[in-house]
N, C-alpha and C. Protein backbone atom coordinates (compact mmCIF):
# COMPACT_ATOMS: atom_id res chain seq x y z
N MET A 1 -41.15 -44.67 76.22
CA MET A 1 -41.02 -46.02 75.71
C MET A 1 -41.94 -46.95 76.50
N ALA A 2 -42.79 -47.66 75.84
CA ALA A 2 -43.72 -48.59 76.48
C ALA A 2 -42.98 -49.85 76.92
N ARG A 3 -43.33 -50.33 78.09
CA ARG A 3 -42.75 -51.56 78.61
C ARG A 3 -43.87 -52.55 78.88
N THR A 4 -43.55 -53.82 78.81
CA THR A 4 -44.53 -54.87 79.06
C THR A 4 -44.28 -55.48 80.43
N PHE A 5 -45.35 -55.64 81.19
CA PHE A 5 -45.28 -56.27 82.50
C PHE A 5 -46.29 -57.41 82.54
N HIS A 6 -46.04 -58.40 83.37
CA HIS A 6 -46.95 -59.52 83.55
C HIS A 6 -47.75 -59.30 84.83
N VAL A 7 -48.99 -59.74 84.83
CA VAL A 7 -49.84 -59.61 86.00
C VAL A 7 -50.31 -61.01 86.40
N LEU A 8 -49.93 -61.44 87.60
CA LEU A 8 -50.42 -62.70 88.14
C LEU A 8 -51.73 -62.41 88.85
N ILE A 9 -52.78 -63.09 88.47
CA ILE A 9 -54.12 -62.80 88.99
C ILE A 9 -54.60 -63.95 89.85
N GLU A 10 -55.07 -63.60 91.05
CA GLU A 10 -55.64 -64.57 91.97
C GLU A 10 -57.06 -64.17 92.30
N ALA A 11 -57.93 -65.15 92.50
CA ALA A 11 -59.30 -64.87 92.94
C ALA A 11 -59.27 -64.61 94.44
N ASP A 12 -59.95 -63.58 94.85
CA ASP A 12 -60.07 -63.24 96.27
C ASP A 12 -61.19 -64.08 96.87
N LYS A 13 -61.08 -64.41 98.14
CA LYS A 13 -62.10 -65.21 98.83
C LYS A 13 -63.47 -64.52 98.81
N GLU A 14 -63.47 -63.19 98.71
CA GLU A 14 -64.71 -62.43 98.74
C GLU A 14 -65.28 -62.15 97.35
N GLY A 15 -64.69 -62.75 96.32
CA GLY A 15 -65.24 -62.62 94.98
C GLY A 15 -64.52 -61.66 94.06
N GLY A 16 -63.56 -60.93 94.57
CA GLY A 16 -62.79 -60.00 93.74
C GLY A 16 -61.53 -60.65 93.21
N TYR A 17 -60.59 -59.82 92.76
CA TYR A 17 -59.34 -60.30 92.18
C TYR A 17 -58.17 -59.50 92.75
N ILE A 18 -57.03 -60.18 92.86
CA ILE A 18 -55.80 -59.56 93.30
C ILE A 18 -54.77 -59.77 92.20
N GLY A 19 -54.08 -58.70 91.82
CA GLY A 19 -53.06 -58.79 90.79
C GLY A 19 -51.70 -58.41 91.35
N LYS A 20 -50.67 -59.16 90.96
CA LYS A 20 -49.29 -58.91 91.38
C LYS A 20 -48.41 -58.84 90.14
N VAL A 21 -47.45 -57.93 90.16
CA VAL A 21 -46.52 -57.75 89.04
C VAL A 21 -45.16 -58.27 89.48
N PRO A 22 -44.74 -59.45 88.99
CA PRO A 22 -43.49 -60.03 89.46
C PRO A 22 -42.26 -59.21 89.10
N GLU A 23 -42.32 -58.43 88.04
CA GLU A 23 -41.16 -57.64 87.63
C GLU A 23 -40.91 -56.42 88.52
N LEU A 24 -41.92 -56.05 89.31
CA LEU A 24 -41.81 -54.88 90.19
C LEU A 24 -42.12 -55.30 91.62
N SER A 25 -41.10 -55.41 92.42
CA SER A 25 -41.25 -55.86 93.79
C SER A 25 -42.27 -55.01 94.55
N GLY A 26 -43.25 -55.67 95.16
CA GLY A 26 -44.24 -54.98 95.97
C GLY A 26 -45.36 -54.32 95.19
N CYS A 27 -45.42 -54.53 93.90
CA CYS A 27 -46.45 -53.89 93.07
C CYS A 27 -47.65 -54.83 92.97
N LEU A 28 -48.76 -54.42 93.60
CA LEU A 28 -49.98 -55.21 93.54
C LEU A 28 -51.19 -54.31 93.68
N SER A 29 -52.34 -54.85 93.31
CA SER A 29 -53.59 -54.11 93.44
C SER A 29 -54.73 -55.12 93.46
N GLN A 30 -55.95 -54.60 93.57
CA GLN A 30 -57.12 -55.47 93.59
C GLN A 30 -58.29 -54.80 92.88
N GLY A 31 -59.32 -55.58 92.59
CA GLY A 31 -60.52 -55.05 91.97
C GLY A 31 -61.66 -56.02 92.11
N ASP A 32 -62.88 -55.51 92.02
CA ASP A 32 -64.06 -56.37 92.12
C ASP A 32 -64.31 -57.15 90.83
N SER A 33 -63.79 -56.66 89.70
CA SER A 33 -63.91 -57.35 88.41
C SER A 33 -62.53 -57.36 87.76
N LEU A 34 -62.37 -58.17 86.72
CA LEU A 34 -61.09 -58.20 86.01
C LEU A 34 -60.79 -56.85 85.36
N ASP A 35 -61.82 -56.20 84.81
CA ASP A 35 -61.62 -54.88 84.21
C ASP A 35 -61.15 -53.86 85.24
N GLU A 36 -61.77 -53.88 86.42
CA GLU A 36 -61.37 -52.95 87.47
C GLU A 36 -59.95 -53.27 87.95
N LEU A 37 -59.64 -54.56 88.08
CA LEU A 37 -58.29 -54.95 88.49
C LEU A 37 -57.25 -54.42 87.50
N MET A 38 -57.50 -54.60 86.21
CA MET A 38 -56.51 -54.18 85.21
C MET A 38 -56.34 -52.67 85.21
N LYS A 39 -57.41 -51.93 85.43
CA LYS A 39 -57.30 -50.47 85.54
C LYS A 39 -56.46 -50.10 86.77
N ASN A 40 -56.75 -50.76 87.89
CA ASN A 40 -56.04 -50.47 89.12
C ASN A 40 -54.57 -50.89 89.07
N ILE A 41 -54.29 -52.04 88.45
CA ILE A 41 -52.90 -52.51 88.40
C ILE A 41 -52.07 -51.63 87.47
N ARG A 42 -52.68 -51.09 86.41
CA ARG A 42 -51.98 -50.15 85.54
C ARG A 42 -51.55 -48.92 86.34
N GLU A 43 -52.46 -48.41 87.16
CA GLU A 43 -52.14 -47.25 88.01
C GLU A 43 -51.04 -47.61 89.01
N ALA A 44 -51.10 -48.82 89.57
CA ALA A 44 -50.09 -49.26 90.53
C ALA A 44 -48.72 -49.36 89.87
N ILE A 45 -48.67 -49.89 88.65
CA ILE A 45 -47.41 -49.98 87.91
C ILE A 45 -46.84 -48.60 87.67
N GLU A 46 -47.69 -47.67 87.22
CA GLU A 46 -47.22 -46.31 86.97
C GLU A 46 -46.67 -45.68 88.23
N LEU A 47 -47.33 -45.90 89.37
CA LEU A 47 -46.85 -45.36 90.64
C LEU A 47 -45.54 -46.00 91.07
N CYS A 48 -45.42 -47.32 90.90
CA CYS A 48 -44.17 -48.00 91.25
C CYS A 48 -43.01 -47.48 90.42
N LEU A 49 -43.24 -47.29 89.13
CA LEU A 49 -42.19 -46.76 88.26
C LEU A 49 -41.83 -45.33 88.64
N GLU A 50 -42.83 -44.55 89.00
CA GLU A 50 -42.59 -43.17 89.41
C GLU A 50 -41.74 -43.12 90.69
N VAL A 51 -42.07 -43.96 91.65
CA VAL A 51 -41.31 -44.01 92.91
C VAL A 51 -39.87 -44.45 92.64
N GLN A 52 -39.71 -45.46 91.78
CA GLN A 52 -38.36 -45.92 91.46
C GLN A 52 -37.55 -44.81 90.81
N GLU A 53 -38.18 -44.04 89.94
CA GLU A 53 -37.49 -42.94 89.28
C GLU A 53 -37.10 -41.86 90.30
N GLU A 54 -38.02 -41.54 91.21
CA GLU A 54 -37.74 -40.53 92.23
C GLU A 54 -36.61 -40.98 93.15
N GLU A 55 -36.55 -42.26 93.44
CA GLU A 55 -35.52 -42.78 94.33
C GLU A 55 -34.24 -43.10 93.57
N LYS A 56 -34.25 -42.82 92.28
CA LYS A 56 -33.08 -43.05 91.42
C LYS A 56 -32.65 -44.51 91.39
N ARG A 57 -33.60 -45.41 91.57
CA ARG A 57 -33.28 -46.82 91.49
C ARG A 57 -33.02 -47.19 90.04
N ASN A 58 -32.13 -48.10 89.86
CA ASN A 58 -31.88 -48.62 88.53
C ASN A 58 -32.85 -49.78 88.30
N ILE A 59 -33.87 -49.54 87.51
CA ILE A 59 -34.92 -50.54 87.29
C ILE A 59 -34.33 -51.82 86.69
N ALA A 60 -33.33 -51.69 85.84
CA ALA A 60 -32.72 -52.86 85.20
C ALA A 60 -32.10 -53.79 86.25
N GLU A 61 -31.55 -53.25 87.34
CA GLU A 61 -30.95 -54.07 88.37
C GLU A 61 -31.98 -54.91 89.10
N GLU A 62 -33.20 -54.39 89.23
CA GLU A 62 -34.25 -55.10 89.95
C GLU A 62 -35.12 -55.95 89.03
N HIS A 63 -34.84 -55.93 87.77
CA HIS A 63 -35.69 -56.61 86.80
C HIS A 63 -35.66 -58.12 87.01
N ILE A 64 -36.83 -58.70 87.09
CA ILE A 64 -37.00 -60.14 87.18
C ILE A 64 -37.62 -60.58 85.86
N THR A 65 -37.07 -61.59 85.25
CA THR A 65 -37.63 -62.09 84.00
C THR A 65 -38.72 -63.11 84.31
N PHE A 66 -39.93 -62.78 83.91
CA PHE A 66 -41.07 -63.68 84.13
C PHE A 66 -40.94 -64.86 83.17
N VAL A 67 -41.04 -66.05 83.70
CA VAL A 67 -40.90 -67.25 82.88
C VAL A 67 -42.25 -67.89 82.62
N GLY A 68 -43.07 -68.03 83.63
CA GLY A 68 -44.37 -68.66 83.45
C GLY A 68 -44.91 -69.18 84.76
N VAL A 69 -46.00 -69.90 84.68
CA VAL A 69 -46.66 -70.45 85.85
C VAL A 69 -46.78 -71.95 85.64
N GLN A 70 -46.46 -72.70 86.68
CA GLN A 70 -46.56 -74.15 86.63
C GLN A 70 -47.41 -74.62 87.79
N GLU A 71 -48.08 -75.73 87.61
CA GLU A 71 -48.80 -76.36 88.70
C GLU A 71 -48.03 -77.61 89.10
N ILE A 72 -48.09 -77.92 90.40
CA ILE A 72 -47.47 -79.16 90.88
C ILE A 72 -48.40 -79.78 91.89
N MET A 73 -48.63 -81.07 91.77
CA MET A 73 -49.49 -81.78 92.71
C MET A 73 -48.61 -82.59 93.63
N VAL A 74 -48.84 -82.47 94.91
CA VAL A 74 -48.03 -83.18 95.90
C VAL A 74 -48.93 -84.07 96.74
């Protein structure tokens, strides 16, 4: 069964990109281009899910519902 995950993308100071998956604690990756980042983050998600399955974690218990991104000026 296919699942949908969100990827928060940040620009790296050195010109690359960093991606984080809020629904999976500790799941992140990086890439020199957006295409490379998305390939790498897909692999990271698959590995995170595999580890959770091996550790018999209940993924539903750790599920965070992604709402969105807001900016605030202070």
